[in-house]
Amino acid sequence: MITFDQVSKHYGDATTAVNSLSLVAPTGKLTILVGPSGCGKTTSLRMINRLITPSSGSILLDGEQTGRMDVALLRRRIGYVIQHAGLFPHRTVVQNIATTARLNGAPKQQALRTAHELLERVGLTSAFADRYPWQLSGGQQQRVGVARALASDPKFMLMDEPFSAVDPVVRGQLQDEFLRLQRDIGKTIIMVTHDIDEALKLGDQVAVLRSGGTLAQIATPQELLARPADAFVADFIGRDRGYRFLSFAEFGSTVPLGVEPTATLGATPEALRHAATDRWVLVTDAANRPIGWADARGLQQPLREGDLNLSGTLAPEGSSLRHLLDAALSSPSGRGVVVSASGELVGTVTLSNVVAAIEGARAGQFGMQP
């Protein structure tokens, strides 16, 4: 657990970067600091490992005041990931990753073994082990930076805009991979971002800071979207917060799955019309993986690949209401296709059932009876 107790940071020119900040980052959870430029989020982060010294107040790691710790030992207890990775250019990937383990006293061979294991965990193969940072893309460098921070198995991690220096597609991939990794490792993490969407996607709780370093609200993403504390928080989150509320996976489990008749390529027009519950038939391959929709109306020859309508998106099993709504809206049949992790058909959801679940989620959001 990381605790801020009335922490402030003032500079000599009378500038206040952080003002009486009190919050708790729970053990094993990811807490996000977010807010406009000048709100003190990076200053707050750097006061934890004493890169910046607080003017007043206390920061505690599991009840122990950081100000009373040896600064070198303190920093070795905390993993630290920054925006541009900060890799050593003269060291290979595995040497970079092994650095923190070596600093904490691990024998060289043990540190290198750990580095190779972490390389796989952050989504890089052993082929990258002996490359240098200049041979990596921005996204690959960030993965190495995360692995290096984990190499000494710290209980605490600090992350300062870790995914902001890469393009949007890679950024989304890194976010998804980090969520998967955090589910496995369960570190106590404080992350800084300027992106409210990233905060809502990644955070177990989100702390919104105002300019001048005061805390406006700290809450779960769901609570922030449903009940912003004031006009500042509501404006910072944005006007589409009702739609974003649908992104939380637990609501998707309330939508019933239907059994969908299917056909395969080569099916006769008669077989398609027999299988169709309306004009549309879902077409799967030999492994029962959906490959498109066929319009049974007017088909005169056995079904070919060119006859398929490919407009529908697939929703992985366990998807949020937002993903299920997209799958249903994009489907020519109005039925969203749900697939397993291996891509096999699980069932379909109707647009009407998704809308009914949205109504139920909305009722729960505002404490009403559906």
Protein backbone atom coordinates (compact mmCIF):
# COMPACT_ATOMS: atom_id res chain seq x y z
CA MET A 1 0.00 0.00 0.00
CA ILE A 2 1.24 3.51 -0.86
CA THR A 3 -0.16 6.31 1.29
CA PHE A 4 -0.03 10.07 0.77
CA ASP A 5 -0.75 11.91 4.02
CA GLN A 6 -1.25 15.67 3.53
CA VAL A 7 1.67 15.86 1.08
CA SER A 8 2.56 19.25 -0.41
CA LYS A 9 5.29 20.53 -2.70
CA HIS A 10 6.09 24.24 -2.86
CA TYR A 11 8.89 25.89 -4.82
CA GLY A 12 10.86 28.99 -3.92
CA ASP A 13 8.96 31.26 -6.31
CA ALA A 14 5.77 30.55 -4.33
CA THR A 15 4.57 28.01 -6.91
CA THR A 16 2.52 25.19 -5.42
CA ALA A 17 2.84 21.97 -7.42
CA VAL A 18 1.00 19.68 -4.98
CA ASN A 19 -1.29 20.89 -2.21
CA SER A 20 -2.22 18.73 0.81
CA LEU A 21 -2.61 15.53 -1.19
CA SER A 22 -4.01 12.57 0.73
CA LEU A 23 -4.82 9.25 -0.93
CA VAL A 24 -4.21 5.53 -0.60
CA ALA A 25 -3.04 3.26 -3.43
CA PRO A 26 -4.23 -0.21 -2.29
CA THR A 27 -1.96 -3.24 -2.29
CA GLY A 28 -2.01 -5.17 -5.57
CA LYS A 29 -4.04 -2.53 -7.39
CA LEU A 30 -3.33 0.01 -10.14
CA THR A 31 -3.99 3.62 -9.17
CA ILE A 32 -3.96 6.24 -11.93
CA LEU A 33 -3.11 9.93 -11.44
CA VAL A 34 -4.72 12.01 -14.16
CA GLY A 35 -5.44 15.68 -14.72
CA PRO A 36 -4.57 18.74 -16.82
CA SER A 37 -1.03 20.01 -17.33
CA GLY A 38 0.30 21.58 -14.15
CA CYS A 39 -1.83 19.53 -11.77
CA GLY A 40 1.18 17.94 -10.05
CA LYS A 41 0.69 14.34 -11.11
CA THR A 42 4.32 13.70 -12.14
CA THR A 43 5.59 15.66 -9.14
CA SER A 44 3.45 13.45 -6.89
CA LEU A 45 4.85 10.31 -8.51
CA ARG A 46 8.46 11.44 -8.17
CA MET A 47 8.02 12.29 -4.51
CA ILE A 48 7.36 8.59 -3.83
CA ASN A 49 10.91 7.53 -4.76
CA ARG A 50 12.33 10.88 -3.61
CA LEU A 51 13.44 12.14 -6.99
CA ILE A 52 11.59 15.18 -5.63
CA THR A 53 11.50 15.96 -1.91
CA PRO A 54 8.11 16.84 -0.41
CA SER A 55 7.82 20.21 1.32
CA SER A 56 5.50 18.77 3.95
CA GLY A 57 3.45 15.70 4.74
CA SER A 58 4.39 12.02 4.62
CA ILE A 59 4.49 9.26 2.01
CA LEU A 60 4.41 5.71 3.35
CA LEU A 61 5.12 2.32 1.79
CA ASP A 62 3.22 -0.29 3.78
CA GLY A 63 3.22 2.07 6.76
CA GLU A 64 6.92 2.97 6.60
CA GLN A 65 7.78 6.62 5.92
CA THR A 66 9.88 7.01 2.79
CA GLY A 67 11.59 10.08 4.21
CA ARG A 68 13.26 7.92 6.85
CA MET A 69 14.60 5.32 4.40
CA ASP A 70 17.99 5.24 2.74
CA VAL A 71 17.24 6.74 -0.67
CA ALA A 72 19.22 4.15 -2.65
CA LEU A 73 17.52 1.25 -0.86
CA LEU A 74 14.14 2.94 -1.31
CA ARG A 75 14.58 3.19 -5.08
CA ARG A 76 15.68 -0.43 -5.33
CA ARG A 77 12.37 -1.46 -3.76
CA ILE A 78 10.39 0.35 -6.46
CA GLY A 79 10.12 -0.45 -10.17
CA TYR A 80 10.18 2.69 -12.31
CA VAL A 81 8.99 3.01 -15.92
CA ILE A 82 9.26 6.32 -17.78
CA GLN A 83 7.86 7.68 -21.04
CA HIS A 84 10.80 6.98 -23.35
CA ALA A 85 11.98 3.73 -21.71
CA GLY A 86 15.40 5.18 -20.79
CA LEU A 87 17.30 2.08 -21.86
CA PHE A 88 21.10 1.99 -21.72
CA PRO A 89 22.19 2.29 -25.39
CA HIS A 90 25.42 0.32 -24.92
CA ARG A 91 23.69 -2.71 -23.39
CA THR A 92 21.69 -5.44 -25.08
CA VAL A 93 18.05 -6.05 -24.28
CA VAL A 94 18.73 -8.81 -21.72
CA GLN A 95 21.54 -6.80 -20.17
CA ASN A 96 19.19 -3.84 -19.78
CA ILE A 97 16.52 -6.03 -18.16
CA ALA A 98 19.04 -7.70 -15.83
CA THR A 99 20.32 -4.34 -14.54
CA THR A 100 17.87 -3.92 -11.66
CA ALA A 101 18.24 -7.51 -10.50
CA ARG A 102 22.02 -7.11 -10.44
CA LEU A 103 21.71 -3.86 -8.46
CA ASN A 104 19.72 -5.80 -5.88
CA GLY A 105 22.46 -8.39 -5.51
CA ALA A 106 21.33 -11.18 -7.82
CA PRO A 107 24.16 -13.28 -9.31
CA LYS A 108 24.80 -12.53 -12.98
CA GLN A 109 23.50 -15.82 -14.38
CA GLN A 110 20.37 -15.70 -12.24
CA ALA A 111 19.71 -12.12 -13.36
CA LEU A 112 20.10 -13.12 -17.01
CA ARG A 113 17.74 -16.08 -16.59
CA THR A 114 15.18 -13.75 -15.05
CA ALA A 115 15.68 -11.32 -17.93
CA HIS A 116 14.98 -14.02 -20.52
CA GLU A 117 11.82 -15.09 -18.66
CA LEU A 118 10.56 -11.51 -18.46
CA LEU A 119 11.25 -10.98 -22.14
CA GLU A 120 8.62 -13.61 -22.91
CA ARG A 121 6.17 -12.21 -20.35
CA VAL A 122 6.16 -8.76 -21.95
CA GLY A 123 5.48 -10.17 -25.40
CA LEU A 124 8.96 -10.33 -26.93
CA THR A 125 10.67 -13.48 -28.17
CA SER A 126 14.19 -14.64 -27.41
CA ALA A 127 15.20 -13.28 -30.83
CA PHE A 128 15.30 -9.81 -29.25
CA ALA A 129 17.62 -10.79 -26.40
CA ASP A 130 20.90 -9.68 -27.98
CA ARG A 131 19.62 -6.63 -29.82
CA TYR A 132 20.45 -3.08 -28.78
CA PRO A 133 17.84 -0.39 -28.04
CA TRP A 134 18.42 1.36 -31.36
CA GLN A 135 17.34 -1.84 -33.13
CA LEU A 136 13.90 -1.79 -31.45
CA SER A 137 10.69 0.05 -32.24
CA GLY A 138 9.22 2.44 -29.68
CA GLY A 139 6.71 -0.15 -28.52
CA GLN A 140 9.40 -2.80 -28.14
CA GLN A 141 11.55 -0.41 -26.12
CA GLN A 142 8.64 0.24 -23.76
CA ARG A 143 8.15 -3.50 -23.28
CA VAL A 144 11.82 -3.81 -22.34
CA GLY A 145 11.42 -0.88 -19.94
CA VAL A 146 8.55 -2.64 -18.18
CA ALA A 147 10.54 -5.88 -18.01
CA ARG A 148 13.53 -4.06 -16.50
CA ALA A 149 11.30 -2.52 -13.83
CA LEU A 150 10.02 -6.01 -12.94
CA ALA A 151 13.39 -7.76 -12.92
CA SER A 152 14.04 -7.26 -9.21
CA ASP A 153 10.46 -8.35 -8.41
CA PRO A 154 9.56 -5.07 -6.67
CA LYS A 155 6.38 -4.88 -4.63
CA PHE A 156 5.76 -1.33 -5.85
CA MET A 157 5.89 0.19 -9.34
CA LEU A 158 5.76 3.78 -10.58
CA MET A 159 4.90 4.45 -14.22
CA ASP A 160 5.15 7.93 -15.74
CA GLU A 161 3.26 8.18 -19.07
CA PRO A 162 4.64 4.74 -20.06
CA PHE A 163 2.64 4.34 -23.28
CA SER A 164 2.33 7.92 -24.55
CA ALA A 165 5.34 7.90 -26.89
CA VAL A 166 3.98 5.25 -29.27
CA ASP A 167 1.32 5.31 -31.97
CA PRO A 168 -2.34 4.65 -31.03
CA VAL A 169 -2.44 1.06 -32.34
CA VAL A 170 0.71 0.01 -30.47
CA ARG A 171 -0.49 1.93 -27.43
CA GLY A 172 -3.69 -0.10 -27.29
CA GLN A 173 -1.71 -3.33 -27.62
CA LEU A 174 0.66 -2.31 -24.82
CA GLN A 175 -2.28 -1.41 -22.58
CA ASP A 176 -3.93 -4.79 -23.18
CA GLU A 177 -0.67 -6.65 -22.57
CA PHE A 178 -0.03 -4.69 -19.38
CA LEU A 179 -3.51 -5.46 -18.04
CA ARG A 180 -2.88 -9.15 -18.68
CA LEU A 181 0.52 -8.92 -16.98
CA GLN A 182 -0.87 -7.07 -13.96
CA ARG A 183 -3.52 -9.76 -13.49
CA ASP A 184 -0.65 -12.24 -13.15
CA ILE A 185 1.77 -10.23 -11.01
CA GLY A 186 -0.55 -8.12 -8.81
CA LYS A 187 1.89 -5.27 -8.11
CA THR A 188 0.97 -2.10 -6.23
CA ILE A 189 1.22 0.47 -9.00
CA ILE A 190 0.79 4.22 -9.36
CA MET A 191 0.69 5.41 -12.96
CA VAL A 192 0.57 8.92 -14.39
CA THR A 193 -1.26 9.69 -17.62
CA HIS A 194 -2.84 12.72 -19.27
CA ASP A 195 -5.28 10.48 -21.16
CA ILE A 196 -8.59 9.95 -19.37
CA ASP A 197 -9.48 7.03 -21.67
CA GLU A 198 -6.27 5.26 -20.68
CA ALA A 199 -6.98 5.98 -17.01
CA LEU A 200 -10.49 4.55 -17.22
CA LYS A 201 -9.30 1.47 -19.11
CA LEU A 202 -6.36 0.56 -16.88
CA GLY A 203 -7.09 1.86 -13.41
CA ASP A 204 -8.58 0.00 -10.46
CA GLN A 205 -9.04 3.50 -9.10
CA VAL A 206 -8.47 6.91 -10.70
CA ALA A 207 -7.38 10.08 -8.90
CA VAL A 208 -8.33 13.26 -10.77
CA LEU A 209 -6.13 16.24 -9.84
CA ARG A 210 -6.87 19.92 -10.39
CA SER A 211 -4.38 22.57 -11.44
CA GLY A 212 -2.40 23.48 -8.36
CA GLY A 213 -2.15 19.89 -7.20
CA THR A 214 -5.37 19.39 -5.27
CA LEU A 215 -7.37 16.17 -5.38
CA ALA A 216 -10.74 16.60 -7.09
CA GLN A 217 -11.94 13.00 -6.81
CA ILE A 218 -10.62 9.49 -6.35
CA ALA A 219 -12.89 6.61 -7.29
CA THR A 220 -13.23 3.51 -9.43
CA PRO A 221 -13.66 4.18 -13.16
CA GLN A 222 -17.30 3.10 -12.92
CA GLU A 223 -18.00 5.54 -10.11
CA LEU A 224 -16.20 8.39 -11.87
CA LEU A 225 -18.35 7.89 -14.94
CA ALA A 226 -21.57 7.48 -13.00
CA ARG A 227 -21.05 10.10 -10.31
CA PRO A 228 -18.43 12.76 -11.05
CA ALA A 229 -17.82 14.84 -7.94
CA ASP A 230 -18.31 18.22 -9.59
CA ALA A 231 -18.38 20.11 -12.89
CA PHE A 232 -14.57 20.04 -13.21
CA VAL A 233 -14.44 16.24 -13.03
CA ALA A 234 -17.43 15.86 -15.35
CA ASP A 235 -15.87 18.20 -17.90
CA PHE A 236 -12.48 16.48 -17.68
CA ILE A 237 -13.99 13.03 -18.22
CA GLY A 238 -15.91 14.26 -21.25
CA ARG A 239 -19.44 14.35 -22.56
CA ASP A 240 -19.63 10.74 -23.75
CA ARG A 241 -19.17 9.20 -20.31
CA GLY A 242 -22.51 7.37 -20.57
CA TYR A 243 -21.23 5.48 -23.61
CA ARG A 244 -17.87 4.79 -21.96
CA PHE A 245 -19.71 3.30 -18.97
CA LEU A 246 -20.63 0.40 -21.27
CA SER A 247 -16.95 -0.58 -21.53
CA PHE A 248 -16.88 -2.43 -18.23
CA ALA A 249 -16.97 -6.16 -18.83
CA GLU A 250 -19.18 -7.22 -15.96
CA PHE A 251 -22.25 -5.75 -17.64
CA GLY A 252 -21.71 -7.85 -20.77
CA SER A 253 -22.40 -11.04 -18.81
CA THR A 254 -26.05 -10.01 -18.43
CA VAL A 255 -26.80 -10.45 -22.16
CA PRO A 256 -28.26 -13.90 -23.01
CA LEU A 257 -26.53 -15.86 -25.77
CA GLY A 258 -28.63 -17.41 -28.51
CA VAL A 259 -27.96 -20.62 -30.44
CA GLU A 260 -27.24 -19.66 -34.03
CA PRO A 261 -27.86 -22.03 -36.98
CA THR A 262 -24.81 -22.19 -39.23
CA ALA A 263 -23.76 -23.30 -42.68
CA THR A 264 -20.45 -23.91 -44.41
CA LEU A 265 -19.06 -22.99 -47.81
CA GLY A 266 -20.56 -25.18 -50.51
CA ALA A 267 -24.01 -25.31 -48.88
CA THR A 268 -26.88 -25.43 -51.38
CA PRO A 269 -29.42 -22.60 -51.62
CA GLU A 270 -32.07 -24.97 -50.23
CA ALA A 271 -29.91 -25.81 -47.20
CA LEU A 272 -29.25 -22.13 -46.54
CA ARG A 273 -32.93 -21.21 -46.70
CA HIS A 274 -33.72 -24.10 -44.36
CA ALA A 275 -31.08 -22.94 -41.86
CA ALA A 276 -32.01 -19.26 -41.97
CA THR A 277 -34.11 -17.87 -39.12
CA ASP A 278 -34.52 -14.78 -41.28
CA ARG A 279 -32.70 -14.01 -44.52
CA TRP A 280 -29.24 -14.31 -42.94
CA VAL A 281 -27.21 -17.43 -42.12
CA LEU A 282 -23.94 -17.43 -40.19
CA VAL A 283 -21.19 -19.24 -42.09
CA THR A 284 -18.40 -21.05 -40.24
CA ASP A 285 -15.30 -22.96 -41.30
CA ALA A 286 -14.52 -26.60 -40.51
CA ALA A 287 -13.36 -25.62 -37.00
CA ASN A 288 -16.66 -23.81 -36.25
CA ARG A 289 -15.03 -20.39 -36.54
CA PRO A 290 -17.31 -17.69 -38.02
CA ILE A 291 -16.15 -16.35 -41.38
CA GLY A 292 -19.13 -14.22 -42.46
CA TRP A 293 -22.86 -13.98 -43.09
CA ALA A 294 -24.69 -15.32 -46.15
CA ASP A 295 -27.91 -13.86 -47.55
CA ALA A 296 -30.11 -16.90 -48.19
CA ARG A 297 -32.53 -14.82 -50.22
CA GLY A 298 -31.90 -15.06 -53.94
CA LEU A 299 -28.84 -17.34 -53.82
CA GLN A 300 -28.90 -19.55 -56.93
CA GLN A 301 -25.73 -21.64 -56.57
CA PRO A 302 -23.78 -23.41 -53.81
CA LEU A 303 -22.33 -20.92 -51.34
CA ARG A 304 -18.95 -19.47 -52.30
CA GLU A 305 -16.55 -17.28 -50.37
CA GLY A 306 -17.40 -14.33 -52.59
CA ASP A 307 -21.04 -14.53 -51.46
CA LEU A 308 -20.17 -13.71 -47.84
CA ASN A 309 -20.95 -10.43 -46.11
CA LEU A 310 -17.93 -9.64 -43.95
CA SER A 311 -19.17 -6.45 -42.28
CA GLY A 312 -19.93 -7.89 -38.84
CA THR A 313 -17.37 -7.63 -36.04
CA LEU A 314 -16.70 -10.46 -33.60
CA ALA A 315 -16.99 -10.04 -29.83
CA PRO A 316 -14.72 -12.20 -27.66
CA GLU A 317 -16.44 -14.17 -24.91
CA GLY A 318 -16.72 -11.97 -21.81
CA SER A 319 -16.90 -8.75 -23.83
CA SER A 320 -18.32 -5.53 -22.44
CA LEU A 321 -21.69 -4.12 -23.44
CA ARG A 322 -19.84 -1.64 -25.64
CA HIS A 323 -18.25 -4.45 -27.68
CA LEU A 324 -21.50 -6.43 -27.85
CA LEU A 325 -23.39 -3.35 -29.03
CA ASP A 326 -20.80 -2.78 -31.75
CA ALA A 327 -21.00 -6.43 -32.84
CA ALA A 328 -24.80 -6.31 -33.10
CA LEU A 329 -24.90 -2.94 -34.88
CA SER A 330 -22.24 -3.93 -37.42
CA SER A 331 -23.85 -7.28 -38.23
CA PRO A 332 -26.10 -7.43 -41.31
CA SER A 333 -28.43 -9.72 -39.36
CA GLY A 334 -28.56 -7.49 -36.27
CA ARG A 335 -27.09 -10.35 -34.25
CA GLY A 336 -23.62 -9.96 -32.80
CA VAL A 337 -21.35 -12.99 -32.97
CA VAL A 338 -19.55 -14.06 -29.77
CA VAL A 339 -16.45 -16.24 -30.09
CA SER A 340 -14.13 -18.10 -27.73
CA ALA A 341 -10.46 -17.25 -27.23
CA SER A 342 -9.64 -19.70 -30.04
CA GLY A 343 -12.16 -18.07 -32.38
CA GLU A 344 -14.87 -20.75 -32.21
CA LEU A 345 -18.54 -19.78 -32.23
CA VAL A 346 -20.06 -19.46 -28.75
CA GLY A 347 -23.40 -17.88 -29.68
CA THR A 348 -25.03 -14.66 -30.81
CA VAL A 349 -26.59 -11.67 -29.09
CA THR A 350 -29.53 -9.73 -30.46
CA LEU A 351 -29.59 -5.96 -30.58
CA SER A 352 -32.77 -5.93 -28.49
CA ASN A 353 -31.14 -8.02 -25.74
CA VAL A 354 -28.07 -5.76 -25.71
CA VAL A 355 -30.30 -2.68 -25.43
CA ALA A 356 -32.23 -4.33 -22.57
CA ALA A 357 -28.95 -5.02 -20.76
CA ILE A 358 -27.91 -1.39 -21.31
CA GLU A 359 -31.17 -0.29 -19.72
CA GLY A 360 -30.44 -2.56 -16.76
CA ALA A 361 -26.90 -1.24 -16.42
CA ARG A 362 -28.16 2.33 -16.57
CA ALA A 363 -30.73 1.61 -13.88
CA GLY A 364 -28.05 0.15 -11.64
CA GLN A 365 -25.74 3.07 -12.40
CA PHE A 366 -28.27 5.55 -11.02
CA GLY A 367 -29.73 3.28 -8.32
CA MET A 368 -33.08 2.83 -10.08
CA GLN A 369 -35.24 -0.21 -10.67
CA PRO A 370 -34.84 -1.43 -14.29
